[in-house]
Amino acid sequence: MINKRKIINDPVYGFINITSELIYDLIEHPYYQRLRRIKQLGLAELVYPGALHTRFHHALGAMHLMNEALNTLSHKGHYISDEECEAAQIAILLHDIGHGPFSHVLEHLILNQVPHEQISFLLMEELNKQFEGKLTLAIKMFTGEYDRPFFNQLISSQLDVDRMDYLNRDSFFTGVREGSIGADRILKMLDIVDNHLVVEQKGIYSVENFLTARRLMYWQVYLHKTSICAEVMLTQIIKRARELVRQGQEVFATESFGLFLKNDVTLEEFISDDAYLQAFTEMDDHDIWACVKIWAKHSDLLLSEICQKLLDRNLYKIIISDQPFEESFLEKIKNDFLNQPEINQANLPYYMVQGTISNEAYLSEKQAINILTKTKLVIDIADASDLPTIKALSNVVKKYYICWAKDVYLRE
């Protein structure tokens, strides 16, 4: 009889306990093991060489923090059954199971505007069938249908264990120390009022640090201009490959990835056809990299060149601005391209890409982070904090970027 009460050695937290046999079996399931082959930060390793950690690492860390949070709440006199504790850990363990290759980078490209949360829900339902209904409570917590809302807040809110783990973990593996937060302190300060999550007033500075760290990590890591550049190039590669496939040209792809290159799959189609769900669970970063390596030798010179540039880290130039770019500036870049004999209006969009990025550290209208004062009042962190920066963090900052290839060699 195998011992399923395992201990995992994690570089961020030390030892992580697997607290039930069901959790062990879910971790061992192929759906979850696939997360070992999906990097947490997409192409950020091109900027931070240490950013090689995976969704597998992150989900385990979030599960650990969930267990710590529930222990704290139990010690403060809130009854949490063993069944609820297991379900909450399962919900956070599987919250990212719907991520596809390169995490967020290709989320709305491989599938037609299907968010990973929706795929996570579908995979959790499939697992629930395989495990004979044992995930029903976890799914209710995940979707917010359980009658104790604080469980869903711990899974998905503006102060959830998901964010706590990825800030600490991404800070650790990138070496960006500004992203490190006092997760232990925040967890110890959690409490429940009317079945909703609150933070004791003495934990307010830790929450302020958490929000500030999140803002800094977005600018320094998640929205780093070099990462954006690499992501733009990968997106253009997939778009070009899909275009060639639909023109009837021969383009190598793994079987599962090929299904999505050929078909523009909507959410309705994804739900109704089991073949898409099965193919999705077989895809990971390696499918994409294998294709990029082979496409670098494809006869289509546009596809092959961008692939080779990405493989060699010969990235596009990028400029980020607080204001929209002047039309005259964009026209100059465009005309410089079109003056080259190998560039035309058809292939120009692959070499010159515009877009926007935004950073929103705290949006109280989504779901406020509530502080429990010493007089037992519950108020928004933005009102409780004496730092004007917290209100400033509520503002969505939008920036504009333009990427373009520094050199183009399409001649045979």
Protein backbone atom coordinates (compact mmCIF):
# COMPACT_ATOMS: atom_id res chain seq x y z
CA MET A 1 0.00 0.00 0.00
CA ILE A 2 1.58 3.27 -1.15
CA ASN A 3 1.96 6.06 1.39
CA LYS A 4 0.20 9.07 -0.15
CA ARG A 5 0.89 11.49 2.71
CA LYS A 6 3.96 12.87 1.01
CA ILE A 7 6.17 15.88 1.79
CA ILE A 8 7.48 18.00 -1.09
CA ASN A 9 10.61 20.12 -0.70
CA ASP A 10 9.82 23.56 -2.13
CA PRO A 11 12.56 26.21 -2.62
CA VAL A 12 10.26 29.04 -1.51
CA TYR A 13 8.49 27.62 1.56
CA GLY A 14 10.53 24.59 2.56
CA PHE A 15 8.35 21.55 3.11
CA ILE A 16 4.84 21.32 1.61
CA ASN A 17 2.56 18.62 2.99
CA ILE A 18 0.16 16.62 0.84
CA THR A 19 -2.62 16.32 3.38
CA SER A 20 -4.94 13.73 1.80
CA GLU A 21 -4.90 10.74 -0.52
CA LEU A 22 -7.30 12.46 -2.92
CA ILE A 23 -4.96 15.43 -3.28
CA TYR A 24 -2.08 13.04 -3.94
CA ASP A 25 -4.08 11.25 -6.65
CA LEU A 26 -4.97 14.57 -8.30
CA ILE A 27 -1.32 15.64 -8.34
CA GLU A 28 -0.44 12.32 -9.97
CA HIS A 29 -3.12 12.74 -12.65
CA PRO A 30 -1.85 13.47 -16.21
CA TYR A 31 -3.90 16.69 -16.33
CA TYR A 32 -1.92 18.06 -13.40
CA GLN A 33 1.44 16.56 -14.39
CA ARG A 34 1.14 18.48 -17.68
CA LEU A 35 1.70 21.67 -15.67
CA ARG A 36 5.33 20.58 -15.17
CA ARG A 37 5.79 21.37 -18.88
CA ILE A 38 4.25 24.85 -18.82
CA LYS A 39 6.44 27.66 -17.54
CA GLN A 40 4.87 30.08 -15.11
CA LEU A 41 6.20 33.21 -16.80
CA GLY A 42 6.04 32.34 -20.48
CA LEU A 43 9.06 33.92 -22.20
CA ALA A 44 10.35 35.91 -19.20
CA GLU A 45 13.37 33.60 -19.09
CA LEU A 46 14.73 35.63 -22.03
CA VAL A 47 15.03 38.52 -19.56
CA TYR A 48 15.49 36.68 -16.25
CA PRO A 49 17.39 33.41 -16.87
CA GLY A 50 16.22 31.97 -13.55
CA ALA A 51 12.53 32.23 -14.45
CA LEU A 52 12.26 28.55 -15.32
CA HIS A 53 9.65 27.60 -12.73
CA THR A 54 6.37 26.07 -13.83
CA ARG A 55 2.64 26.16 -13.21
CA PHE A 56 3.18 22.88 -11.33
CA HIS A 57 5.40 24.68 -8.78
CA HIS A 58 3.00 27.59 -8.44
CA ALA A 59 -0.14 25.52 -7.84
CA LEU A 60 1.60 23.47 -5.14
CA GLY A 61 2.76 26.67 -3.44
CA ALA A 62 -0.73 28.16 -3.57
CA MET A 63 -2.13 24.95 -2.06
CA HIS A 64 0.39 25.24 0.78
CA LEU A 65 -0.64 28.85 1.49
CA MET A 66 -4.31 27.82 1.42
CA ASN A 67 -3.62 25.23 4.12
CA GLU A 68 -1.77 27.82 6.19
CA ALA A 69 -4.63 30.31 5.82
CA LEU A 70 -7.25 27.78 6.90
CA ASN A 71 -5.16 26.75 9.90
CA THR A 72 -5.01 30.41 10.97
CA LEU A 73 -8.77 30.87 10.61
CA SER A 74 -9.44 27.65 12.53
CA HIS A 75 -7.20 28.78 15.38
CA LYS A 76 -9.22 32.02 15.56
CA GLY A 77 -12.34 30.01 16.32
CA HIS A 78 -13.91 29.66 12.87
CA TYR A 79 -15.14 26.13 12.24
CA ILE A 80 -13.73 24.62 9.06
CA SER A 81 -14.44 20.93 8.50
CA ASP A 82 -11.89 18.46 7.16
CA GLU A 83 -14.01 18.18 4.02
CA GLU A 84 -13.95 21.96 3.48
CA CYS A 85 -10.21 22.11 4.10
CA GLU A 86 -9.55 19.39 1.53
CA ALA A 87 -11.93 20.95 -1.01
CA ALA A 88 -10.33 24.40 -0.70
CA GLN A 89 -6.87 22.92 -1.23
CA ILE A 90 -8.13 21.02 -4.28
CA ALA A 91 -9.77 24.14 -5.73
CA ILE A 92 -6.56 26.17 -5.54
CA LEU A 93 -4.42 23.22 -6.64
CA LEU A 94 -6.46 22.98 -9.85
CA HIS A 95 -7.14 26.68 -10.40
CA ASP A 96 -4.53 26.91 -13.21
CA ILE A 97 -5.06 23.48 -14.72
CA GLY A 98 -6.65 25.14 -17.76
CA HIS A 99 -3.53 27.03 -18.77
CA GLY A 100 -2.23 26.23 -22.22
CA PRO A 101 1.30 26.49 -23.62
CA PHE A 102 3.23 29.57 -22.43
CA SER A 103 0.51 30.38 -19.90
CA HIS A 104 -1.01 33.80 -20.66
CA VAL A 105 0.99 34.50 -23.83
CA LEU A 106 -1.11 32.38 -26.18
CA GLU A 107 -4.27 32.20 -24.06
CA HIS A 108 -6.61 33.86 -26.56
CA LEU A 109 -4.75 32.78 -29.70
CA ILE A 110 -4.72 28.97 -29.61
CA LEU A 111 -8.41 29.10 -28.67
CA ASN A 112 -10.76 31.82 -29.85
CA GLN A 113 -11.10 34.08 -26.78
CA VAL A 114 -11.52 31.18 -24.34
CA PRO A 115 -10.07 32.18 -20.91
CA HIS A 116 -8.02 29.65 -18.97
CA GLU A 117 -10.45 29.91 -16.01
CA GLN A 118 -13.20 28.45 -18.18
CA ILE A 119 -10.96 25.58 -19.28
CA SER A 120 -9.94 24.98 -15.65
CA PHE A 121 -13.62 24.65 -14.78
CA LEU A 122 -14.23 22.17 -17.62
CA LEU A 123 -11.23 20.06 -16.63
CA MET A 124 -12.30 20.09 -12.98
CA GLU A 125 -15.73 18.83 -14.05
CA GLU A 126 -14.09 16.07 -16.07
CA LEU A 127 -11.91 15.13 -13.09
CA ASN A 128 -15.01 15.12 -10.91
CA LYS A 129 -16.50 12.44 -13.16
CA GLN A 130 -13.30 10.40 -13.02
CA PHE A 131 -13.14 10.71 -9.22
CA GLU A 132 -16.84 9.87 -8.74
CA GLY A 133 -18.04 13.25 -7.51
CA LYS A 134 -15.32 13.86 -4.91
CA LEU A 135 -14.53 17.30 -6.37
CA THR A 136 -18.08 18.68 -6.16
CA LEU A 137 -17.43 20.89 -3.13
CA ALA A 138 -14.11 22.12 -4.56
CA ILE A 139 -15.87 23.16 -7.78
CA LYS A 140 -18.52 25.06 -5.82
CA MET A 141 -15.78 26.95 -3.99
CA PHE A 142 -13.96 27.62 -7.26
CA THR A 143 -17.07 29.04 -8.94
CA GLY A 144 -18.21 31.01 -5.88
CA GLU A 145 -21.40 28.98 -5.45
CA TYR A 146 -20.56 27.72 -1.96
CA ASP A 147 -22.46 29.46 0.83
CA ARG A 148 -19.28 30.46 2.67
CA PRO A 149 -17.81 33.12 0.32
CA PHE A 150 -14.48 33.44 2.10
CA PHE A 151 -13.34 30.19 0.50
CA ASN A 152 -13.77 31.69 -2.97
CA GLN A 153 -12.03 34.87 -1.79
CA LEU A 154 -9.01 32.81 -0.77
CA ILE A 155 -9.02 31.23 -4.24
CA SER A 156 -9.78 34.27 -6.38
CA SER A 157 -9.84 37.83 -5.10
CA GLN A 158 -7.51 40.79 -4.79
CA LEU A 159 -5.83 39.24 -1.78
CA ASP A 160 -5.90 35.52 -2.58
CA VAL A 161 -3.33 32.81 -2.02
CA ASP A 162 -2.84 32.58 -5.80
CA ARG A 163 -1.42 36.11 -5.92
CA MET A 164 0.53 35.65 -2.72
CA ASP A 165 2.31 32.63 -4.15
CA TYR A 166 3.04 33.94 -7.60
CA LEU A 167 4.48 37.20 -6.24
CA ASN A 168 6.78 35.38 -3.84
CA ARG A 169 7.66 32.63 -6.33
CA ASP A 170 8.21 34.89 -9.32
CA SER A 171 10.28 37.25 -7.17
CA PHE A 172 12.38 34.32 -5.98
CA PHE A 173 13.08 32.84 -9.42
CA THR A 174 13.61 36.13 -11.26
CA GLY A 175 15.71 37.65 -8.49
CA VAL A 176 13.52 40.78 -8.45
CA ARG A 177 13.47 41.34 -4.71
CA GLU A 178 10.88 44.12 -4.89
CA GLY A 179 8.21 41.48 -5.50
CA SER A 180 8.81 39.66 -2.23
CA ILE A 181 5.87 39.94 0.17
CA GLY A 182 5.32 38.94 3.77
CA ALA A 183 2.82 36.19 2.97
CA ASP A 184 3.22 34.61 6.41
CA ARG A 185 2.34 37.90 8.10
CA ILE A 186 -0.71 38.48 5.86
CA LEU A 187 -2.00 34.95 6.45
CA LYS A 188 -1.67 35.36 10.23
CA MET A 189 -3.71 38.58 10.04
CA LEU A 190 -6.67 37.02 8.18
CA ASP A 191 -10.07 36.77 9.85
CA ILE A 192 -13.71 36.26 8.87
CA VAL A 193 -16.66 38.60 9.38
CA ASP A 194 -20.10 37.52 8.13
CA ASN A 195 -18.46 34.73 6.11
CA HIS A 196 -16.27 37.24 4.24
CA LEU A 197 -12.52 37.59 4.43
CA VAL A 198 -10.99 40.54 6.29
CA VAL A 199 -7.52 41.53 7.45
CA GLU A 200 -6.89 42.66 11.01
CA GLN A 201 -5.84 46.30 11.26
CA LYS A 202 -2.34 45.43 12.46
CA GLY A 203 -1.76 43.68 9.13
CA ILE A 204 -2.44 46.79 7.08
CA TYR A 205 1.24 47.54 6.34
CA SER A 206 1.75 44.02 5.02
CA VAL A 207 -1.20 44.49 2.66
CA GLU A 208 0.20 47.85 1.53
CA ASN A 209 3.50 46.11 0.78
CA PHE A 210 1.63 43.37 -1.09
CA LEU A 211 -0.15 45.87 -3.37
CA THR A 212 3.02 47.87 -3.99
CA ALA A 213 4.99 44.70 -4.75
CA ARG A 214 2.33 43.63 -7.24
CA ARG A 215 2.51 46.96 -9.07
CA LEU A 216 6.32 46.75 -9.22
CA MET A 217 6.33 43.14 -10.42
CA TYR A 218 4.01 44.02 -13.28
CA TRP A 219 6.33 46.72 -14.59
CA GLN A 220 9.59 44.90 -13.87
CA VAL A 221 8.61 41.33 -14.81
CA TYR A 222 5.15 40.64 -16.23
CA LEU A 223 5.14 43.68 -18.52
CA HIS A 224 8.89 43.95 -19.09
CA LYS A 225 9.41 45.37 -22.56
CA THR A 226 11.71 42.56 -23.68
CA SER A 227 9.18 39.93 -22.61
CA ILE A 228 6.47 41.80 -24.49
CA CYS A 229 8.70 41.83 -27.57
CA ALA A 230 9.32 38.08 -27.43
CA GLU A 231 5.61 37.42 -26.84
CA VAL A 232 4.69 39.55 -29.85
CA MET A 233 7.11 37.55 -32.00
CA LEU A 234 5.72 34.22 -30.81
CA THR A 235 2.19 35.45 -31.47
CA GLN A 236 3.15 36.49 -35.01
CA ILE A 237 4.72 33.06 -35.58
CA ILE A 238 1.51 31.26 -34.60
CA LYS A 239 -0.58 33.61 -36.73
CA ARG A 240 1.64 33.00 -39.78
CA ALA A 241 1.65 29.23 -39.30
CA ARG A 242 -2.14 29.24 -38.99
CA GLU A 243 -2.43 31.36 -42.14
CA LEU A 244 -0.27 28.90 -44.11
CA VAL A 245 -2.21 25.90 -42.81
CA ARG A 246 -5.48 27.44 -43.90
CA GLN A 247 -4.00 28.18 -47.32
CA GLY A 248 -3.44 24.45 -47.66
CA GLN A 249 0.34 24.54 -47.23
CA GLU A 250 2.17 21.81 -45.37
CA VAL A 251 3.18 22.97 -41.90
CA PHE A 252 4.56 20.60 -39.28
CA ALA A 253 2.70 20.45 -35.97
CA THR A 254 2.24 17.95 -33.20
CA GLU A 255 -1.11 16.21 -33.49
CA SER A 256 -2.76 18.08 -30.62
CA PHE A 257 -1.41 21.50 -31.58
CA GLY A 258 -2.23 20.90 -35.24
CA LEU A 259 -5.90 20.52 -34.39
CA PHE A 260 -5.99 24.10 -33.07
CA LEU A 261 -3.94 25.48 -35.96
CA LYS A 262 -6.50 24.12 -38.41
CA ASN A 263 -9.59 25.18 -36.48
CA ASP A 264 -10.64 28.48 -34.93
CA VAL A 265 -12.17 26.84 -31.85
CA THR A 266 -14.83 28.77 -29.92
CA LEU A 267 -15.93 28.07 -26.35
CA GLU A 268 -19.12 26.40 -27.59
CA GLU A 269 -17.15 24.06 -29.87
CA PHE A 270 -14.64 23.35 -27.13
CA ILE A 271 -17.44 22.31 -24.76
CA SER A 272 -19.39 20.25 -27.28
CA ASP A 273 -16.51 18.30 -28.86
CA ASP A 274 -14.48 16.11 -26.50
CA ALA A 275 -11.68 15.88 -29.08
CA TYR A 276 -10.69 19.49 -28.37
CA LEU A 277 -10.54 18.99 -24.61
CA GLN A 278 -8.46 15.84 -25.05
CA ALA A 279 -6.08 17.58 -27.46
CA PHE A 280 -5.73 20.55 -25.12
CA THR A 281 -4.66 18.31 -22.22
CA GLU A 282 -1.88 16.89 -24.41
CA MET A 283 -0.38 20.30 -25.28
CA ASP A 284 2.39 22.12 -23.46
CA ASP A 285 5.35 24.43 -24.11
CA HIS A 286 7.29 21.63 -25.80
CA ASP A 287 4.72 21.37 -28.60
CA ILE A 288 5.28 25.02 -29.47
CA TRP A 289 9.07 24.98 -29.19
CA ALA A 290 9.31 21.83 -31.32
CA CYS A 291 7.25 23.56 -34.01
CA VAL A 292 9.27 26.79 -33.82
CA LYS A 293 12.54 24.85 -34.26
CA ILE A 294 11.22 23.00 -37.29
CA TRP A 295 9.49 26.05 -38.76
CA ALA A 296 12.84 27.90 -38.67
CA LYS A 297 13.68 25.77 -41.75
CA HIS A 298 10.28 26.14 -43.44
CA SER A 299 10.12 27.19 -47.07
CA ASP A 300 7.97 30.19 -46.15
CA LEU A 301 10.67 32.78 -45.56
CA LEU A 302 8.47 34.97 -43.37
CA LEU A 303 7.69 32.14 -40.95
CA SER A 304 11.23 30.78 -40.92
CA GLU A 305 12.88 34.13 -40.30
CA ILE A 306 10.76 35.12 -37.29
CA CYS A 307 11.24 31.64 -35.81
CA GLN A 308 15.01 31.87 -36.19
CA LYS A 309 15.05 35.34 -34.68
CA LEU A 310 13.17 34.10 -31.61
CA LEU A 311 15.38 31.04 -31.23
CA ASP A 312 18.51 33.22 -31.43
CA ARG A 313 17.00 35.91 -29.18
CA ASN A 314 17.39 38.41 -31.98
CA LEU A 315 14.33 40.28 -30.80
CA TYR A 316 12.37 43.14 -32.29
CA LYS A 317 13.00 46.69 -31.16
CA ILE A 318 10.32 48.05 -28.83
CA ILE A 319 9.32 51.49 -27.59
CA ILE A 320 6.81 52.00 -24.78
CA SER A 321 5.05 55.34 -24.34
CA ASP A 322 2.63 56.86 -21.85
CA GLN A 323 0.78 58.47 -24.78
CA PRO A 324 -0.40 57.11 -28.16
CA PHE A 325 2.29 57.38 -30.81
CA GLU A 326 2.19 60.23 -33.28
CA GLU A 327 0.92 59.12 -36.67
CA SER A 328 3.95 60.69 -38.34
CA PHE A 329 6.28 58.49 -36.24
CA LEU A 330 4.38 55.33 -37.17
CA GLU A 331 4.32 56.33 -40.84
CA LYS A 332 8.09 56.78 -40.83
CA ILE A 333 8.67 53.23 -39.53
CA LYS A 334 6.10 51.88 -41.97
CA ASN A 335 7.65 53.67 -44.96
CA ASP A 336 11.15 52.54 -43.97
CA PHE A 337 9.88 48.95 -44.14
CA LEU A 338 7.98 49.38 -47.39
CA ASN A 339 11.06 50.87 -49.06
CA GLN A 340 12.72 47.46 -48.67
CA PRO A 341 11.99 45.27 -51.73
CA GLU A 342 11.19 42.20 -49.64
CA ILE A 343 8.51 43.98 -47.53
CA ASN A 344 4.98 44.61 -48.75
CA GLN A 345 1.60 45.50 -47.28
CA ALA A 346 0.78 41.80 -46.79
CA ASN A 347 3.77 40.89 -44.62
CA LEU A 348 4.28 44.28 -42.93
CA PRO A 349 1.91 43.45 -39.98
CA TYR A 350 4.26 40.59 -39.03
CA TYR A 351 7.19 43.00 -38.68
CA MET A 352 5.48 46.03 -37.16
CA VAL A 353 3.08 45.46 -34.26
CA GLN A 354 1.30 47.96 -32.05
CA GLY A 355 -0.50 47.29 -28.78
CA THR A 356 -1.30 48.44 -25.27
CA ILE A 357 -0.47 47.20 -21.78
CA SER A 358 -2.12 48.10 -18.49
CA ASN A 359 -1.27 47.75 -14.81
CA GLU A 360 -3.99 47.59 -12.17
CA ALA A 361 -2.66 46.81 -8.72
CA TYR A 362 -5.90 47.29 -6.81
CA LEU A 363 -9.46 47.72 -8.09
CA SER A 364 -11.79 48.03 -5.10
CA GLU A 365 -14.92 47.89 -7.26
CA LYS A 366 -14.05 44.30 -8.24
CA GLN A 367 -13.79 43.05 -4.68
CA ALA A 368 -12.40 45.23 -1.94
CA ILE A 369 -9.66 44.19 0.45
CA ASN A 370 -11.39 44.85 3.74
CA ILE A 371 -9.67 45.83 6.97
CA LEU A 372 -11.15 44.95 10.36
CA THR A 373 -10.42 47.90 12.65
CA LYS A 374 -9.80 47.66 16.36
CA THR A 375 -13.33 48.98 16.89
CA LYS A 376 -14.68 46.09 14.75
CA LEU A 377 -15.54 48.24 11.74
CA VAL A 378 -14.95 46.77 8.28
CA ILE A 379 -13.53 49.31 5.82
CA ASP A 380 -11.77 49.28 2.45
CA ILE A 381 -7.94 49.22 2.55
CA ALA A 382 -7.94 52.42 0.45
CA ASP A 383 -9.82 54.20 3.26
CA ALA A 384 -7.99 52.50 6.11
CA SER A 385 -4.49 53.19 4.84
CA ASP A 386 -2.70 56.43 5.67
CA LEU A 387 -0.63 56.06 2.53
CA PRO A 388 -1.85 58.14 -0.45
CA THR A 389 -0.15 55.58 -2.70
CA ILE A 390 -2.88 53.00 -2.00
CA LYS A 391 -5.49 55.24 -3.61
CA ALA A 392 -3.03 55.84 -6.45
CA LEU A 393 -2.69 52.08 -6.93
CA SER A 394 -6.40 52.00 -7.68
CA ASN A 395 -5.74 53.86 -10.93
CA VAL A 396 -5.34 51.75 -14.04
CA VAL A 397 -2.14 52.79 -15.83
CA LYS A 398 -2.25 52.24 -19.59
CA LYS A 399 0.78 52.39 -21.88
CA TYR A 400 1.29 52.02 -25.60
CA TYR A 401 3.97 50.04 -27.42
CA ILE A 402 5.28 49.53 -30.90
CA CYS A 403 7.53 46.58 -31.87
CA TRP A 404 9.34 46.26 -35.15
CA ALA A 405 12.04 44.07 -36.63
CA LYS A 406 15.47 45.65 -36.59
CA ASP A 407 16.62 43.81 -39.70
CA VAL A 408 14.83 41.67 -42.24
CA TYR A 409 16.39 39.12 -44.59
CA LEU A 410 13.72 37.52 -46.73
CA ARG A 411 15.80 37.04 -49.87
CA GLU A 412 16.43 33.44 -50.84
